[in-house]
């Protein structure tokens, strides 16, 4: 019980100073996405003023909607200001959740999207 309480305190302290950013997060995949092939996932992040958010730490996370195969995390690299790319592999056909997590300084934002892999 003490370890659980300590863990909660550590998490709370870690979240202090974090600010939920008012960022717009969009993703883009190629027109054709096939299961078990490496797929580029492009993420665009802009601020409330429409300007690109450059220099953020961005991660893409895939999870299956109807099955528990765990999380497939991949760091995204900035390819131009406000545009980030990761390579992900959808391991099978079906409904997937794509979560984009972004952090820059004390500001952070995340967005979840649903995507259907059909072949």
PDB file of N, CA and C in Angstrom:
ATOM      1  N   UNK A   1       0.827  -1.183   0.000  1.00  0.00           N
ATOM      2  CA  UNK A   1       0.000   0.000   0.000  1.00  0.00           C
ATOM      3  C   UNK A   1       0.879   1.257   0.000  1.00  0.00           C
ATOM      4  N   UNK A   2       1.948   1.193   0.767  1.00  0.00           N
ATOM      5  CA  UNK A   2       2.841   2.352   0.848  1.00  0.00           C
ATOM      6  C   UNK A   2       3.508   2.631  -0.495  1.00  0.00           C
ATOM      7  N   UNK A   3       3.872   1.547  -1.217  1.00  0.00           N
ATOM      8  CA  UNK A   3       4.490   1.715  -2.531  1.00  0.00           C
ATOM      9  C   UNK A   3       3.512   2.352  -3.513  1.00  0.00           C
ATOM     10  N   UNK A   4       2.253   1.955  -3.441  1.00  0.00           N
ATOM     11  CA  UNK A   4       1.244   2.528  -4.330  1.00  0.00           C
ATOM     12  C   UNK A   4       1.077   4.016  -4.041  1.00  0.00           C
ATOM     13  N   UNK A   5       0.993   4.365  -2.771  1.00  0.00           N
ATOM     14  CA  UNK A   5       0.846   5.761  -2.386  1.00  0.00           C
ATOM     15  C   UNK A   5       2.055   6.572  -2.831  1.00  0.00           C
ATOM     16  N   UNK A   6       3.240   6.028  -2.654  1.00  0.00           N
ATOM     17  CA  UNK A   6       4.460   6.706  -3.084  1.00  0.00           C
ATOM     18  C   UNK A   6       4.461   6.900  -4.598  1.00  0.00           C
ATOM     19  N   UNK A   7       4.022   5.902  -5.330  1.00  0.00           N
ATOM     20  CA  UNK A   7       3.944   6.006  -6.791  1.00  0.00           C
ATOM     21  C   UNK A   7       2.980   7.110  -7.214  1.00  0.00           C
ATOM     22  N   UNK A   8       1.842   7.201  -6.536  1.00  0.00           N
ATOM     23  CA  UNK A   8       0.877   8.249  -6.851  1.00  0.00           C
ATOM     24  C   UNK A   8       1.441   9.634  -6.572  1.00  0.00           C
ATOM     25  N   UNK A   9       2.174   9.774  -5.491  1.00  0.00           N
ATOM     26  CA  UNK A   9       2.785  11.054  -5.148  1.00  0.00           C
ATOM     27  C   UNK A   9       3.824  11.433  -6.195  1.00  0.00           C
ATOM     28  N   UNK A  10       4.646  10.481  -6.605  1.00  0.00           N
ATOM     29  CA  UNK A  10       5.667  10.735  -7.622  1.00  0.00           C
ATOM     30  C   UNK A  10       5.006  11.165  -8.929  1.00  0.00           C
ATOM     31  N   UNK A  11       3.922  10.495  -9.327  1.00  0.00           N
ATOM     32  CA  UNK A  11       3.210  10.863 -10.560  1.00  0.00           C
ATOM     33  C   UNK A  11       2.615  12.263 -10.445  1.00  0.00           C
ATOM     34  N   UNK A  12       2.040  12.572  -9.316  1.00  0.00           N
ATOM     35  CA  UNK A  12       1.442  13.891  -9.115  1.00  0.00           C
ATOM     36  C   UNK A  12       2.503  14.981  -9.196  1.00  0.00           C
ATOM     37  N   UNK A  13       3.651  14.744  -8.582  1.00  0.00           N
ATOM     38  CA  UNK A  13       4.735  15.719  -8.623  1.00  0.00           C
ATOM     39  C   UNK A  13       5.237  15.888 -10.054  1.00  0.00           C
ATOM     40  N   UNK A  14       5.309  14.802 -10.802  1.00  0.00           N
ATOM     41  CA  UNK A  14       5.777  14.869 -12.187  1.00  0.00           C
ATOM     42  C   UNK A  14       4.818  15.679 -13.048  1.00  0.00           C
ATOM     43  N   UNK A  15       3.528  15.626 -12.746  1.00  0.00           N
ATOM     44  CA  UNK A  15       2.541  16.344 -13.537  1.00  0.00           C
ATOM     45  C   UNK A  15       2.448  17.820 -13.184  1.00  0.00           C
ATOM     46  N   UNK A  16       2.922  18.186 -11.990  1.00  0.00           N
ATOM     47  CA  UNK A  16       2.915  19.592 -11.617  1.00  0.00           C
ATOM     48  C   UNK A  16       3.873  20.312 -12.563  1.00  0.00           C
ATOM     49  N   UNK A  17       3.447  21.406 -13.094  1.00  0.00           N
ATOM     50  CA  UNK A  17       4.282  22.126 -14.045  1.00  0.00           C
ATOM     51  C   UNK A  17       3.969  21.765 -15.484  1.00  0.00           C
ATOM     52  N   UNK A  18       3.220  20.696 -15.708  1.00  0.00           N
ATOM     53  CA  UNK A  18       2.803  20.342 -17.056  1.00  0.00           C
ATOM     54  C   UNK A  18       1.559  21.155 -17.410  1.00  0.00           C
ATOM     55  N   UNK A  19       1.528  21.699 -18.596  1.00  0.00           N
ATOM     56  CA  UNK A  19       0.415  22.488 -19.069  1.00  0.00           C
ATOM     57  C   UNK A  19      -0.166  21.828 -20.304  1.00  0.00           C
ATOM     58  N   UNK A  20      -1.486  21.643 -20.304  1.00  0.00           N
ATOM     59  CA  UNK A  20      -2.133  21.102 -21.500  1.00  0.00           C
ATOM     60  C   UNK A  20      -2.152  22.188 -22.560  1.00  0.00           C
ATOM     61  N   UNK A  21      -1.478  21.936 -23.641  1.00  0.00           N
ATOM     62  CA  UNK A  21      -1.345  22.919 -24.710  1.00  0.00           C
ATOM     63  C   UNK A  21      -2.580  22.915 -25.604  1.00  0.00           C
ATOM     64  N   UNK A  22      -2.920  24.063 -26.133  1.00  0.00           N
ATOM     65  CA  UNK A  22      -4.021  24.201 -27.070  1.00  0.00           C
ATOM     66  C   UNK A  22      -3.471  24.049 -28.495  1.00  0.00           C
ATOM     67  N   UNK A  23      -3.004  22.840 -28.812  1.00  0.00           N
ATOM     68  CA  UNK A  23      -2.411  22.554 -30.106  1.00  0.00           C
ATOM     69  C   UNK A  23      -3.385  21.754 -30.961  1.00  0.00           C
ATOM     70  N   UNK A  24      -3.302  21.946 -32.253  1.00  0.00           N
ATOM     71  CA  UNK A  24      -4.065  21.133 -33.197  1.00  0.00           C
ATOM     72  C   UNK A  24      -3.119  20.061 -33.723  1.00  0.00           C
ATOM     73  N   UNK A  25      -3.533  18.802 -33.569  1.00  0.00           N
ATOM     74  CA  UNK A  25      -2.715  17.670 -34.016  1.00  0.00           C
ATOM     75  C   UNK A  25      -3.459  16.943 -35.124  1.00  0.00           C
ATOM     76  N   UNK A  26      -2.784  16.743 -36.250  1.00  0.00           N
ATOM     77  CA  UNK A  26      -3.351  16.011 -37.379  1.00  0.00           C
ATOM     78  C   UNK A  26      -2.372  14.911 -37.785  1.00  0.00           C
ATOM     79  N   UNK A  27      -2.910  13.848 -38.367  1.00  0.00           N
ATOM     80  CA  UNK A  27      -2.026  12.795 -38.870  1.00  0.00           C
ATOM     81  C   UNK A  27      -2.373  12.510 -40.318  1.00  0.00           C
ATOM     82  N   UNK A  28      -1.410  11.902 -40.997  1.00  0.00           N
ATOM     83  CA  UNK A  28      -1.598  11.542 -42.397  1.00  0.00           C
ATOM     84  C   UNK A  28      -0.885  10.220 -42.649  1.00  0.00           C
ATOM     85  N   UNK A  29      -1.577   9.319 -43.338  1.00  0.00           N
ATOM     86  CA  UNK A  29      -1.005   8.039 -43.751  1.00  0.00           C
ATOM     87  C   UNK A  29      -1.059   7.965 -45.272  1.00  0.00           C
ATOM     88  N   UNK A  30      -0.259   7.082 -45.868  1.00  0.00           N
ATOM     89  CA  UNK A  30      -0.360   6.896 -47.317  1.00  0.00           C
ATOM     90  C   UNK A  30      -1.771   6.429 -47.697  1.00  0.00           C
ATOM     91  N   UNK A  31      -2.124   6.568 -48.971  1.00  0.00           N
ATOM     92  CA  UNK A  31      -3.457   6.153 -49.424  1.00  0.00           C
ATOM     93  C   UNK A  31      -3.706   4.675 -49.182  1.00  0.00           C
ATOM     94  N   UNK A  32      -2.675   3.867 -49.331  1.00  0.00           N
ATOM     95  CA  UNK A  32      -2.821   2.434 -49.144  1.00  0.00           C
ATOM     96  C   UNK A  32      -1.958   1.986 -47.960  1.00  0.00           C
ATOM     97  N   UNK A  33      -2.606   1.415 -46.959  1.00  0.00           N
ATOM     98  CA  UNK A  33      -1.906   0.898 -45.785  1.00  0.00           C
ATOM     99  C   UNK A  33      -2.172  -0.599 -45.703  1.00  0.00           C
ATOM    100  N   UNK A  34      -1.091  -1.379 -45.655  1.00  0.00           N
ATOM    101  CA  UNK A  34      -1.215  -2.830 -45.568  1.00  0.00           C
ATOM    102  C   UNK A  34      -0.650  -3.312 -44.243  1.00  0.00           C
ATOM    103  N   UNK A  35      -1.292  -4.312 -43.694  1.00  0.00           N
ATOM    104  CA  UNK A  35      -0.819  -4.913 -42.457  1.00  0.00           C
ATOM    105  C   UNK A  35       0.560  -5.529 -42.664  1.00  0.00           C
ATOM    106  N   UNK A  36       1.398  -5.442 -41.644  1.00  0.00           N
ATOM    107  CA  UNK A  36       2.737  -6.022 -41.597  1.00  0.00           C
ATOM    108  C   UNK A  36       3.759  -5.358 -42.516  1.00  0.00           C
ATOM    109  N   UNK A  37       3.491  -4.137 -42.941  1.00  0.00           N
ATOM    110  CA  UNK A  37       4.458  -3.371 -43.714  1.00  0.00           C
ATOM    111  C   UNK A  37       4.755  -2.071 -42.968  1.00  0.00           C
ATOM    112  N   UNK A  38       6.007  -1.678 -42.962  1.00  0.00           N
ATOM    113  CA  UNK A  38       6.372  -0.414 -42.330  1.00  0.00           C
ATOM    114  C   UNK A  38       5.673   0.719 -43.073  1.00  0.00           C
ATOM    115  N   UNK A  39       5.014   1.571 -42.310  1.00  0.00           N
ATOM    116  CA  UNK A  39       4.196   2.632 -42.881  1.00  0.00           C
ATOM    117  C   UNK A  39       4.611   3.982 -42.315  1.00  0.00           C
ATOM    118  N   UNK A  40       4.882   4.971 -43.173  1.00  0.00           N
ATOM    119  CA  UNK A  40       5.192   6.303 -42.650  1.00  0.00           C
ATOM    120  C   UNK A  40       3.924   6.966 -42.098  1.00  0.00           C
ATOM    121  N   UNK A  41       4.036   7.519 -40.917  1.00  0.00           N
ATOM    122  CA  UNK A  41       2.944   8.222 -40.254  1.00  0.00           C
ATOM    123  C   UNK A  41       3.400   9.658 -40.052  1.00  0.00           C
ATOM    124  N   UNK A  42       2.759  10.588 -40.744  1.00  0.00           N
ATOM    125  CA  UNK A  42       3.132  11.994 -40.676  1.00  0.00           C
ATOM    126  C   UNK A  42       2.195  12.724 -39.722  1.00  0.00           C
ATOM    127  N   UNK A  43       2.768  13.524 -38.844  1.00  0.00           N
ATOM    128  CA  UNK A  43       2.017  14.276 -37.843  1.00  0.00           C
ATOM    129  C   UNK A  43       2.291  15.757 -38.040  1.00  0.00           C
ATOM    130  N   UNK A  44       1.224  16.560 -38.044  1.00  0.00           N
ATOM    131  CA  UNK A  44       1.352  18.006 -38.134  1.00  0.00           C
ATOM    132  C   UNK A  44       0.803  18.615 -36.855  1.00  0.00           C
ATOM    133  N   UNK A  45       1.586  19.491 -36.231  1.00  0.00           N
ATOM    134  CA  UNK A  45       1.171  20.122 -34.982  1.00  0.00           C
ATOM    135  C   UNK A  45       1.268  21.634 -35.141  1.00  0.00           C
ATOM    136  N   UNK A  46       0.158  22.300 -34.858  1.00  0.00           N
ATOM    137  CA  UNK A  46       0.132  23.756 -34.914  1.00  0.00           C
ATOM    138  C   UNK A  46      -0.457  24.290 -33.616  1.00  0.00           C
ATOM    139  N   UNK A  47      -0.092  25.514 -33.290  1.00  0.00           N
ATOM    140  CA  UNK A  47      -0.628  26.176 -32.119  1.00  0.00           C
ATOM    141  C   UNK A  47      -1.998  26.768 -32.412  1.00  0.00           C
ATOM    142  N   UNK A  48      -2.611  27.362 -31.389  1.00  0.00           N
ATOM    143  CA  UNK A  48      -3.924  27.989 -31.537  1.00  0.00           C
ATOM    144  C   UNK A  48      -3.877  29.107 -32.575  1.00  0.00           C
ATOM    145  N   UNK A  49      -2.712  29.697 -32.778  1.00  0.00           N
ATOM    146  CA  UNK A  49      -2.539  30.779 -33.750  1.00  0.00           C
ATOM    147  C   UNK A  49      -2.249  30.261 -35.164  1.00  0.00           C
ATOM    148  N   UNK A  50      -2.201  28.915 -35.331  1.00  0.00           N
ATOM    149  CA  UNK A  50      -1.951  28.320 -36.640  1.00  0.00           C
ATOM    150  C   UNK A  50      -0.489  28.145 -36.990  1.00  0.00           C
ATOM    151  N   UNK A  51       0.405  28.629 -36.125  1.00  0.00           N
ATOM    152  CA  UNK A  51       1.838  28.502 -36.396  1.00  0.00           C
ATOM    153  C   UNK A  51       2.324  27.108 -36.019  1.00  0.00           C
ATOM    154  N   UNK A  52       3.304  26.575 -36.773  1.00  0.00           N
ATOM    155  CA  UNK A  52       3.813  25.234 -36.473  1.00  0.00           C
ATOM    156  C   UNK A  52       4.503  25.184 -35.111  1.00  0.00           C
ATOM    157  N   UNK A  53       4.332  24.053 -34.438  1.00  0.00           N
ATOM    158  CA  UNK A  53       5.030  23.789 -33.173  1.00  0.00           C
ATOM    159  C   UNK A  53       6.286  22.996 -33.525  1.00  0.00           C
ATOM    160  N   UNK A  54       7.408  23.686 -33.545  1.00  0.00           N
ATOM    161  CA  UNK A  54       8.682  23.061 -33.906  1.00  0.00           C
ATOM    162  C   UNK A  54       9.439  22.666 -32.650  1.00  0.00           C
ATOM    163  N   UNK A  55      10.265  21.645 -32.781  1.00  0.00           N
ATOM    164  CA  UNK A  55      11.150  21.232 -31.693  1.00  0.00           C
ATOM    165  C   UNK A  55      10.480  20.474 -30.569  1.00  0.00           C
ATOM    166  N   UNK A  56       9.324  19.895 -30.824  1.00  0.00           N
ATOM    167  CA  UNK A  56       8.625  19.120 -29.785  1.00  0.00           C
ATOM    168  C   UNK A  56       9.128  17.675 -29.764  1.00  0.00           C
ATOM    169  N   UNK A  57       8.950  17.020 -28.643  1.00  0.00           N
ATOM    170  CA  UNK A  57       9.167  15.576 -28.548  1.00  0.00           C
ATOM    171  C   UNK A  57       7.835  14.930 -28.885  1.00  0.00           C
ATOM    172  N   UNK A  58       7.808  14.152 -29.971  1.00  0.00           N
ATOM    173  CA  UNK A  58       6.565  13.576 -30.462  1.00  0.00           C
ATOM    174  C   UNK A  58       6.706  12.062 -30.522  1.00  0.00           C
ATOM    175  N   UNK A  59       5.652  11.386 -30.112  1.00  0.00           N
ATOM    176  CA  UNK A  59       5.620   9.926 -30.111  1.00  0.00           C
ATOM    177  C   UNK A  59       4.286   9.480 -30.694  1.00  0.00           C
ATOM    178  N   UNK A  60       4.322   8.454 -31.541  1.00  0.00           N
ATOM    179  CA  UNK A  60       3.084   7.846 -32.024  1.00  0.00           C
ATOM    180  C   UNK A  60       2.921   6.497 -31.338  1.00  0.00           C
ATOM    181  N   UNK A  61       1.676   6.193 -30.955  1.00  0.00           N
ATOM    182  CA  UNK A  61       1.383   4.963 -30.224  1.00  0.00           C
ATOM    183  C   UNK A  61       0.202   4.268 -30.897  1.00  0.00           C
ATOM    184  N   UNK A  62       0.401   3.030 -31.323  1.00  0.00           N
ATOM    185  CA  UNK A  62      -0.666   2.239 -31.929  1.00  0.00           C
ATOM    186  C   UNK A  62      -1.176   1.206 -30.936  1.00  0.00           C
ATOM    187  N   UNK A  63      -2.492   1.061 -30.874  1.00  0.00           N
ATOM    188  CA  UNK A  63      -3.120  -0.022 -30.111  1.00  0.00           C
ATOM    189  C   UNK A  63      -4.312  -0.519 -30.917  1.00  0.00           C
ATOM    190  N   UNK A  64      -4.573  -1.797 -30.836  1.00  0.00           N
ATOM    191  CA  UNK A  64      -5.752  -2.344 -31.510  1.00  0.00           C
ATOM    192  C   UNK A  64      -6.975  -2.009 -30.679  1.00  0.00           C
ATOM    193  N   UNK A  65      -8.064  -1.675 -31.356  1.00  0.00           N
ATOM    194  CA  UNK A  65      -9.286  -1.278 -30.659  1.00  0.00           C
ATOM    195  C   UNK A  65      -9.964  -2.476 -29.997  1.00  0.00           C
ATOM    196  N   UNK A  66     -10.011  -3.611 -30.682  1.00  0.00           N
ATOM    197  CA  UNK A  66     -10.789  -4.755 -30.190  1.00  0.00           C
ATOM    198  C   UNK A  66      -9.942  -5.896 -29.642  1.00  0.00           C
ATOM    199  N   UNK A  67      -8.641  -5.765 -29.661  1.00  0.00           N
ATOM    200  CA  UNK A  67      -7.761  -6.822 -29.144  1.00  0.00           C
ATOM    201  C   UNK A  67      -6.661  -6.183 -28.322  1.00  0.00           C
ATOM    202  N   UNK A  68      -6.136  -6.936 -27.388  1.00  0.00           N
ATOM    203  CA  UNK A  68      -5.066  -6.410 -26.541  1.00  0.00           C
ATOM    204  C   UNK A  68      -3.726  -6.982 -26.993  1.00  0.00           C
ATOM    205  N   UNK A  69      -3.086  -6.256 -27.889  1.00  0.00           N
ATOM    206  CA  UNK A  69      -1.736  -6.628 -28.336  1.00  0.00           C
ATOM    207  C   UNK A  69      -0.688  -5.690 -27.748  1.00  0.00           C
ATOM    208  N   UNK A  70      -1.107  -4.854 -26.798  1.00  0.00           N
ATOM    209  CA  UNK A  70      -0.191  -3.902 -26.191  1.00  0.00           C
ATOM    210  C   UNK A  70      -0.067  -2.651 -27.039  1.00  0.00           C
ATOM    211  N   UNK A  71       0.908  -1.825 -26.668  1.00  0.00           N
ATOM    212  CA  UNK A  71       1.160  -0.572 -27.371  1.00  0.00           C
ATOM    213  C   UNK A  71       2.392  -0.700 -28.251  1.00  0.00           C
ATOM    214  N   UNK A  72       2.317  -0.095 -29.427  1.00  0.00           N
ATOM    215  CA  UNK A  72       3.453  -0.035 -30.329  1.00  0.00           C
ATOM    216  C   UNK A  72       3.861   1.434 -30.401  1.00  0.00           C
ATOM    217  N   UNK A  73       4.930   1.791 -29.678  1.00  0.00           N
ATOM    218  CA  UNK A  73       5.380   3.172 -29.576  1.00  0.00           C
ATOM    219  C   UNK A  73       6.554   3.419 -30.512  1.00  0.00           C
ATOM    220  N   UNK A  74       6.548   4.610 -31.085  1.00  0.00           N
ATOM    221  CA  UNK A  74       7.651   4.998 -31.964  1.00  0.00           C
ATOM    222  C   UNK A  74       7.862   6.507 -31.851  1.00  0.00           C
ATOM    223  N   UNK A  75       9.101   6.900 -31.644  1.00  0.00           N
ATOM    224  CA  UNK A  75       9.427   8.326 -31.603  1.00  0.00           C
ATOM    225  C   UNK A  75       9.331   8.882 -33.022  1.00  0.00           C
ATOM    226  N   UNK A  76       8.795  10.080 -33.131  1.00  0.00           N
ATOM    227  CA  UNK A  76       8.691  10.742 -34.428  1.00  0.00           C
ATOM    228  C   UNK A  76       9.800  11.783 -34.533  1.00  0.00           C
ATOM    229  N   UNK A  77      10.369  11.910 -35.716  1.00  0.00           N
ATOM    230  CA  UNK A  77      11.432  12.885 -35.958  1.00  0.00           C
ATOM    231  C   UNK A  77      10.856  14.067 -36.724  1.00  0.00           C
ATOM    232  N   UNK A  78      11.321  15.244 -36.376  1.00  0.00           N
ATOM    233  CA  UNK A  78      10.875  16.436 -37.088  1.00  0.00           C
ATOM    234  C   UNK A  78      11.494  16.448 -38.483  1.00  0.00           C
ATOM    235  N   UNK A  79      10.648  16.595 -39.519  1.00  0.00           N
ATOM    236  CA  UNK A  79      11.134  16.663 -40.899  1.00  0.00           C
ATOM    237  C   UNK A  79      11.096  18.096 -41.435  1.00  0.00           C
ATOM    238  N   UNK A  80      10.290  18.937 -40.841  1.00  0.00           N
ATOM    239  CA  UNK A  80      10.283  20.379 -41.055  1.00  0.00           C
ATOM    240  C   UNK A  80       9.494  20.988 -39.896  1.00  0.00           C
ATOM    241  N   UNK A  81       9.555  22.284 -39.696  1.00  0.00           N
ATOM    242  CA  UNK A  81       8.898  22.875 -38.528  1.00  0.00           C
ATOM    243  C   UNK A  81       7.418  22.473 -38.411  1.00  0.00           C
ATOM    244  N   UNK A  82       7.090  21.855 -37.293  1.00  0.00           N
ATOM    245  CA  UNK A  82       5.715  21.439 -37.026  1.00  0.00           C
ATOM    246  C   UNK A  82       5.289  20.149 -37.695  1.00  0.00           C
ATOM    247  N   UNK A  83       6.185  19.524 -38.456  1.00  0.00           N
ATOM    248  CA  UNK A  83       5.861  18.273 -39.153  1.00  0.00           C
ATOM    249  C   UNK A  83       6.826  17.188 -38.681  1.00  0.00           C
ATOM    250  N   UNK A  84       6.258  16.076 -38.224  1.00  0.00           N
ATOM    251  CA  UNK A  84       7.030  14.982 -37.644  1.00  0.00           C
ATOM    252  C   UNK A  84       6.653  13.683 -38.348  1.00  0.00           C
ATOM    253  N   UNK A  85       7.593  12.759 -38.407  1.00  0.00           N
ATOM    254  CA  UNK A  85       7.311  11.488 -39.061  1.00  0.00           C
ATOM    255  C   UNK A  85       7.871  10.334 -38.253  1.00  0.00           C
ATOM    256  N   UNK A  86       7.053   9.285 -38.154  1.00  0.00           N
ATOM    257  CA  UNK A  86       7.516   8.033 -37.561  1.00  0.00           C
ATOM    258  C   UNK A  86       7.190   6.915 -38.542  1.00  0.00           C
ATOM    259  N   UNK A  87       7.801   5.784 -38.326  1.00  0.00           N
ATOM    260  CA  UNK A  87       7.504   4.594 -39.130  1.00  0.00           C
ATOM    261  C   UNK A  87       6.834   3.605 -38.186  1.00  0.00           C
ATOM    262  N   UNK A  88       5.639   3.188 -38.547  1.00  0.00           N
ATOM    263  CA  UNK A  88       4.890   2.251 -37.718  1.00  0.00           C
ATOM    264  C   UNK A  88       4.491   1.045 -38.562  1.00  0.00           C
ATOM    265  N   UNK A  89       4.243  -0.073 -37.871  1.00  0.00           N
ATOM    266  CA  UNK A  89       3.785  -1.278 -38.551  1.00  0.00           C
ATOM    267  C   UNK A  89       2.485  -1.724 -37.889  1.00  0.00           C
ATOM    268  N   UNK A  90       1.399  -1.692 -38.653  1.00  0.00           N
ATOM    269  CA  UNK A  90       0.128  -2.231 -38.188  1.00  0.00           C
ATOM    270  C   UNK A  90       0.236  -3.742 -38.362  1.00  0.00           C
ATOM    271  N   UNK A  91       0.228  -4.493 -37.277  1.00  0.00           N
ATOM    272  CA  UNK A  91       0.564  -5.916 -37.351  1.00  0.00           C
ATOM    273  C   UNK A  91      -0.540  -6.792 -37.938  1.00  0.00           C
ATOM    274  N   UNK A  92      -1.756  -6.247 -38.052  1.00  0.00           N
ATOM    275  CA  UNK A  92      -2.845  -7.035 -38.629  1.00  0.00           C
ATOM    276  C   UNK A  92      -3.982  -6.129 -39.089  1.00  0.00           C
ATOM    277  N   UNK A  93      -4.871  -6.712 -39.868  1.00  0.00           N
ATOM    278  CA  UNK A  93      -6.060  -6.015 -40.343  1.00  0.00           C
ATOM    279  C   UNK A  93      -6.977  -5.763 -39.152  1.00  0.00           C
ATOM    280  N   UNK A  94      -7.674  -4.630 -39.175  1.00  0.00           N
ATOM    281  CA  UNK A  94      -8.641  -4.334 -38.125  1.00  0.00           C
ATOM    282  C   UNK A  94      -8.623  -2.875 -37.719  1.00  0.00           C
ATOM    283  N   UNK A  95      -9.384  -2.588 -36.670  1.00  0.00           N
ATOM    284  CA  UNK A  95      -9.501  -1.221 -36.162  1.00  0.00           C
ATOM    285  C   UNK A  95      -8.336  -0.921 -35.228  1.00  0.00           C
ATOM    286  N   UNK A  96      -7.699   0.219 -35.451  1.00  0.00           N
ATOM    287  CA  UNK A  96      -6.556   0.657 -34.667  1.00  0.00           C
ATOM    288  C   UNK A  96      -6.811   2.038 -34.080  1.00  0.00           C
ATOM    289  N   UNK A  97      -6.225   2.273 -32.933  1.00  0.00           N
ATOM    290  CA  UNK A  97      -6.195   3.615 -32.374  1.00  0.00           C
ATOM    291  C   UNK A  97      -4.792   4.158 -32.572  1.00  0.00           C
ATOM    292  N   UNK A  98      -4.710   5.336 -33.139  1.00  0.00           N
ATOM    293  CA  UNK A  98      -3.434   6.037 -33.286  1.00  0.00           C
ATOM    294  C   UNK A  98      -3.457   7.175 -32.283  1.00  0.00           C
ATOM    295  N   UNK A  99      -2.519   7.160 -31.353  1.00  0.00           N
ATOM    296  CA  UNK A  99      -2.409   8.260 -30.404  1.00  0.00           C
ATOM    297  C   UNK A  99      -1.121   9.013 -30.685  1.00  0.00           C
ATOM    298  N   UNK A 100      -1.228  10.316 -30.757  1.00  0.00           N
ATOM    299  CA  UNK A 100      -0.063  11.174 -30.934  1.00  0.00           C
ATOM    300  C   UNK A 100       0.147  11.904 -29.619  1.00  0.00           C
ATOM    301  N   UNK A 101       1.332  11.780 -29.057  1.00  0.00           N
ATOM    302  CA  UNK A 101       1.697  12.463 -27.814  1.00  0.00           C
ATOM    303  C   UNK A 101       2.823  13.443 -28.127  1.00  0.00           C
ATOM    304  N   UNK A 102       2.620  14.698 -27.740  1.00  0.00           N
ATOM    305  CA  UNK A 102       3.614  15.730 -28.028  1.00  0.00           C
ATOM    306  C   UNK A 102       3.905  16.533 -26.766  1.00  0.00           C
ATOM    307  N   UNK A 103       5.177  16.906 -26.618  1.00  0.00           N
ATOM    308  CA  UNK A 103       5.597  17.678 -25.452  1.00  0.00           C
ATOM    309  C   UNK A 103       6.696  18.647 -25.877  1.00  0.00           C
ATOM    310  N   UNK A 104       6.574  19.869 -25.404  1.00  0.00           N
ATOM    311  CA  UNK A 104       7.618  20.863 -25.632  1.00  0.00           C
ATOM    312  C   UNK A 104       7.692  21.719 -24.377  1.00  0.00           C
ATOM    313  N   UNK A 105       8.817  21.635 -23.683  1.00  0.00           N
ATOM    314  CA  UNK A 105       8.949  22.344 -22.417  1.00  0.00           C
ATOM    315  C   UNK A 105       7.900  21.836 -21.444  1.00  0.00           C
ATOM    316  N   UNK A 106       7.161  22.752 -20.814  1.00  0.00           N
ATOM    317  CA  UNK A 106       6.122  22.371 -19.855  1.00  0.00           C
ATOM    318  C   UNK A 106       4.781  22.118 -20.530  1.00  0.00           C
ATOM    319  N   UNK A 107       4.684  22.358 -21.830  1.00  0.00           N
ATOM    320  CA  UNK A 107       3.422  22.176 -22.555  1.00  0.00           C
ATOM    321  C   UNK A 107       3.367  20.779 -23.173  1.00  0.00           C
ATOM    322  N   UNK A 108       2.186  20.189 -23.118  1.00  0.00           N
ATOM    323  CA  UNK A 108       2.009  18.884 -23.736  1.00  0.00           C
ATOM    324  C   UNK A 108       0.582  18.759 -24.262  1.00  0.00           C
ATOM    325  N   UNK A 109       0.426  17.874 -25.235  1.00  0.00           N
ATOM    326  CA  UNK A 109      -0.888  17.605 -25.808  1.00  0.00           C
ATOM    327  C   UNK A 109      -0.881  16.198 -26.380  1.00  0.00           C
ATOM    328  N   UNK A 110      -2.061  15.623 -26.465  1.00  0.00           N
ATOM    329  CA  UNK A 110      -2.197  14.325 -27.119  1.00  0.00           C
ATOM    330  C   UNK A 110      -3.536  14.284 -27.838  1.00  0.00           C
ATOM    331  N   UNK A 111      -3.597  13.437 -28.834  1.00  0.00           N
ATOM    332  CA  UNK A 111      -4.824  13.298 -29.616  1.00  0.00           C
ATOM    333  C   UNK A 111      -4.921  11.849 -30.060  1.00  0.00           C
ATOM    334  N   UNK A 112      -6.144  11.297 -29.998  1.00  0.00           N
ATOM    335  CA  UNK A 112      -6.382   9.921 -30.433  1.00  0.00           C
ATOM    336  C   UNK A 112      -7.229   9.924 -31.690  1.00  0.00           C
ATOM    337  N   UNK A 113      -6.869   9.013 -32.603  1.00  0.00           N
ATOM    338  CA  UNK A 113      -7.584   8.868 -33.862  1.00  0.00           C
ATOM    339  C   UNK A 113      -7.874   7.381 -34.072  1.00  0.00           C
ATOM    340  N   UNK A 114      -8.931   7.080 -34.790  1.00  0.00           N
ATOM    341  CA  UNK A 114      -9.251   5.700 -35.132  1.00  0.00           C
ATOM    342  C   UNK A 114      -8.937   5.505 -36.608  1.00  0.00           C
ATOM    343  N   UNK A 115      -8.334   4.348 -36.925  1.00  0.00           N
ATOM    344  CA  UNK A 115      -7.982   4.044 -38.307  1.00  0.00           C
ATOM    345  C   UNK A 115      -8.242   2.567 -38.578  1.00  0.00           C
ATOM    346  N   UNK A 116      -8.788   2.275 -39.719  1.00  0.00           N
ATOM    347  CA  UNK A 116      -9.123   0.898 -40.108  1.00  0.00           C
ATOM    348  C   UNK A 116      -8.130   0.394 -41.160  1.00  0.00           C
ATOM    349  N   UNK A 117      -7.388  -0.673 -40.819  1.00  0.00           N
ATOM    350  CA  UNK A 117      -6.506  -1.328 -41.784  1.00  0.00           C
ATOM    351  C   UNK A 117      -7.329  -2.428 -42.460  1.00  0.00           C
ATOM    352  N   UNK A 118      -7.441  -2.355 -43.783  1.00  0.00           N
ATOM    353  CA  UNK A 118      -8.351  -3.245 -44.490  1.00  0.00           C
ATOM    354  C   UNK A 118      -7.673  -4.394 -45.212  1.00  0.00           C
ATOM    355  N   UNK A 119      -6.366  -4.303 -45.426  1.00  0.00           N
ATOM    356  CA  UNK A 119      -5.689  -5.419 -46.105  1.00  0.00           C
ATOM    357  C   UNK A 119      -4.305  -5.664 -45.559  1.00  0.00           C
TER     358      UNK A 119
END
